Protein backbone atom coordinates (compact mmCIF):
# COMPACT_ATOMS: atom_id res chain seq x y z
CA MET A 1 -18.05 5.34 14.70
CA LEU A 2 -19.13 3.21 11.77
CA ILE A 3 -16.19 1.73 9.86
CA HIS A 4 -16.88 0.82 6.26
CA GLU A 5 -15.26 -2.08 4.46
CA GLY A 6 -12.31 -0.95 2.41
CA ARG A 7 -12.26 -0.43 -1.31
CA ILE A 8 -9.88 0.98 -3.87
CA LYS A 9 -10.46 3.20 -6.88
CA ALA A 10 -8.00 4.30 -9.52
CA ALA A 11 -7.60 6.70 -12.42
CA TYR A 12 -4.86 7.21 -14.98
CA ASP A 13 -4.72 10.35 -17.09
CA ALA A 14 -1.88 12.13 -18.91
CA GLY A 15 0.84 10.17 -17.09
CA VAL A 16 -0.65 10.69 -13.61
CA PHE A 17 -1.88 7.61 -11.77
CA VAL A 18 -4.13 8.10 -8.74
CA LEU A 19 -4.90 5.30 -6.29
CA LYS A 20 -7.63 6.24 -3.79
CA LEU A 21 -8.36 4.10 -0.73
CA TYR A 22 -11.67 4.20 1.10
CA GLY A 23 -12.84 2.92 4.48
CA ASP A 24 -11.07 0.22 6.45
CA VAL A 25 -8.27 -1.02 4.16
CA ARG A 26 -7.01 -4.40 5.31
CA LEU A 27 -5.18 -7.46 4.11
CA THR A 28 -8.21 -8.56 2.08
CA LEU A 29 -7.27 -5.88 -0.48
CA CYS A 30 -3.57 -6.81 -0.66
CA ALA A 31 -3.91 -8.97 -3.76
CA THR A 32 -5.51 -5.96 -5.47
CA LEU A 33 -2.70 -3.65 -4.29
CA ASP A 34 -0.09 -6.24 -5.33
CA ARG A 35 -1.55 -6.47 -8.84
CA GLN A 36 -1.58 -2.68 -9.05
CA ALA A 37 2.11 -2.49 -8.05
CA GLN A 38 2.98 -5.00 -10.76
CA GLN A 39 0.96 -3.11 -13.39
CA LEU A 40 2.45 0.26 -12.41
CA ALA A 41 5.96 -1.12 -12.75
CA GLY A 42 5.30 -1.64 -16.45
CA THR A 43 3.07 1.35 -17.22
CA PRO A 44 4.57 3.32 -20.11
CA GLY A 45 4.47 7.10 -19.84
CA LEU A 46 3.92 7.17 -16.08
CA THR A 47 5.10 10.53 -14.74
CA SER A 48 3.41 10.83 -11.35
CA LEU A 49 1.82 8.61 -8.69
CA ILE A 50 -0.62 9.89 -6.07
CA ILE A 51 -2.08 7.73 -3.30
CA ASP A 52 -5.08 9.41 -1.71
CA LEU A 53 -5.90 8.26 1.83
CA ARG A 54 -8.29 11.10 2.74
CA ASP A 55 -11.31 8.76 2.73
CA ALA A 56 -9.52 5.88 4.47
CA THR A 57 -10.55 5.33 8.08
CA ASN A 58 -7.82 2.74 8.72
CA VAL A 59 -4.95 1.17 6.79
CA ASP A 60 -3.52 -1.98 8.37
CA SER A 61 0.17 -2.86 8.29
CA THR A 62 -0.24 -5.40 5.50
CA ALA A 63 -1.89 -2.81 3.25
CA LEU A 64 0.84 -0.31 4.20
CA GLY A 65 3.45 -2.84 3.10
CA PHE A 66 1.81 -3.07 -0.30
CA LEU A 67 1.58 0.72 -0.58
CA ALA A 68 5.35 0.71 0.01
CA LYS A 69 5.66 -1.96 -2.70
CA VAL A 70 3.73 0.31 -5.09
CA ALA A 71 6.27 3.09 -4.40
CA MET A 72 9.19 0.71 -4.87
CA ALA A 73 7.70 -0.52 -8.17
CA VAL A 74 8.01 2.98 -9.67
CA GLN A 75 11.22 4.00 -7.91
CA GLY A 76 13.68 5.50 -10.36
CA ARG A 77 11.04 5.88 -13.08
CA LEU A 78 9.48 9.12 -11.84
CA ALA A 79 11.07 12.56 -11.65
CA GLU A 80 9.69 12.98 -8.12
CA ARG A 81 8.75 10.62 -5.32
CA PRO A 82 5.18 9.32 -5.23
CA THR A 83 2.78 11.43 -3.16
CA ILE A 84 0.50 10.32 -0.34
CA VAL A 85 -2.39 12.62 0.51
CA ALA A 86 -3.59 12.04 4.09
CA ASP A 87 -5.52 14.39 6.35
CA ASN A 88 -6.40 11.96 9.16
CA PRO A 89 -3.99 12.64 12.07
CA ASP A 90 -3.91 8.95 13.06
CA ILE A 91 -2.99 7.84 9.54
CA GLN A 92 -0.45 10.68 9.23
CA ARG A 93 1.19 9.58 12.49
CA MET A 94 1.28 5.95 11.37
CA LEU A 95 2.90 6.91 8.03
CA ASP A 96 5.45 8.99 9.90
CA VAL A 97 6.33 6.25 12.40
CA MET A 98 6.59 3.65 9.63
CA GLY A 99 9.09 5.80 7.72
CA PHE A 100 6.95 6.53 4.67
CA SER A 101 8.44 10.03 4.35
CA SER A 102 11.61 8.36 3.06
CA PHE A 103 9.75 6.95 0.05
CA PHE A 104 6.83 9.34 -0.44
CA THR A 105 6.07 13.03 -0.33
CA LEU A 106 3.39 13.32 2.37
CA VAL A 107 0.79 16.09 2.00
CA GLU A 108 -2.55 16.96 3.60
CA ALA A 109 -4.29 18.54 0.62
CA PRO A 110 -4.60 17.11 -2.86
CA ILE A 111 -2.30 18.47 -5.50
CA THR A 112 -5.08 18.22 -8.03
CA GLU A 113 -8.50 16.63 -8.13
CA THR A 114 -8.60 13.85 -10.65
CA GLN A 115 -11.00 12.79 -13.31
CA GLU A 116 -13.48 10.03 -12.69
CA LEU A 117 -12.07 7.26 -10.50
CA ALA A 118 -13.00 3.68 -11.37
CA ASP A 119 -13.43 0.91 -8.82
CA LEU A 120 -10.64 -1.64 -8.97
CA PRO A 121 -12.04 -5.17 -8.86
CA GLU A 122 -11.01 -7.05 -5.76
CA VAL A 123 -8.51 -9.77 -6.64
CA PRO A 124 -9.44 -13.04 -4.90
CA SER A 125 -6.77 -14.71 -2.81
CA ASP A 126 -6.77 -18.06 -1.00
CA VAL A 127 -5.40 -18.59 2.52
CA GLU A 128 -1.89 -19.55 1.35
CA GLU A 129 -1.63 -16.59 -1.03
CA THR A 130 -2.90 -14.24 1.67
CA ARG A 131 -0.37 -15.54 4.21
CA HIS A 132 2.41 -15.15 1.61
CA ARG A 133 1.30 -11.56 0.88
CA ILE A 134 1.13 -10.68 4.58
CA LEU A 135 4.68 -12.00 4.95
CA GLU A 136 5.89 -10.06 1.90
CA ALA A 137 4.24 -6.82 3.09
CA HIS A 138 5.86 -7.01 6.52
CA ARG A 139 9.27 -7.86 5.06
CA ILE A 140 8.96 -4.70 2.94
CA LEU A 141 8.03 -2.64 6.01
CA MET A 142 10.99 -4.11 7.94
CA ARG A 143 13.39 -2.91 5.23
CA MET A 144 12.07 0.66 5.54
CA ASN A 145 13.56 1.39 8.96
CA GLU A 146 14.84 -0.06 12.26
CA HIS A 147 11.59 0.68 14.13
CA ASN A 148 9.63 -1.44 11.67
CA ARG A 149 12.23 -4.22 11.80
CA GLU A 150 11.87 -4.46 15.58
CA GLU A 151 8.09 -4.08 15.44
CA PHE A 152 7.40 -6.77 12.83
CA GLN A 153 10.21 -9.30 13.38
CA PRO A 154 8.10 -11.56 15.67
CA LEU A 155 5.20 -11.59 13.18
CA VAL A 156 7.51 -12.33 10.25
CA GLU A 157 9.20 -15.18 12.14
CA MET A 158 5.80 -16.68 13.03
CA LEU A 159 4.57 -16.42 9.42
CA GLU A 160 7.82 -17.91 8.10
CA ALA A 161 7.40 -20.86 10.48
CA GLN A 162 3.78 -21.35 9.34
CA GLU A 163 4.86 -21.16 5.69
CA ALA A 164 7.64 -23.72 6.27
CA ALA A 165 5.23 -26.04 8.10
CA SER A 166 2.62 -25.82 5.31
CA GLN A 167 5.28 -26.62 2.69
CA ARG A 168 6.42 -29.69 4.66
CA GLY A 169 2.88 -30.90 5.27
């Protein structure tokens, strides 16, 4: 199976924001997802958030952490929880195990097809920024449930040690 490099598109219309992920979504897109979370937190008139994963072949744990951050950025501002549309059984299982149903409404079919989606430009990130974002994403995942805490604790401890060493050096 050919796996395509990940990319992200977005659309905003009449209070509905749609974030659509394509291909193999990995940590290289986390700066883009982080910027989107920050922008959504301040978007006036936002009424609904839909994250469409139907064209994603893989979403790594760092990207999942930033999807959770997107949901947390709009928490309390929307009448209903953000929606994730996913029809890939592997991605559905991963979302379930990671506890995403506590923060999102998970569906297999789109609620509505959106207008034209625009490519989001990839936000560049250096090694330090990337390591910091990976750490942040996994801390977010650890707060979601006990399974994630146990799963990601060793990685978080290793990244914290690397971060401390780079700050000393």
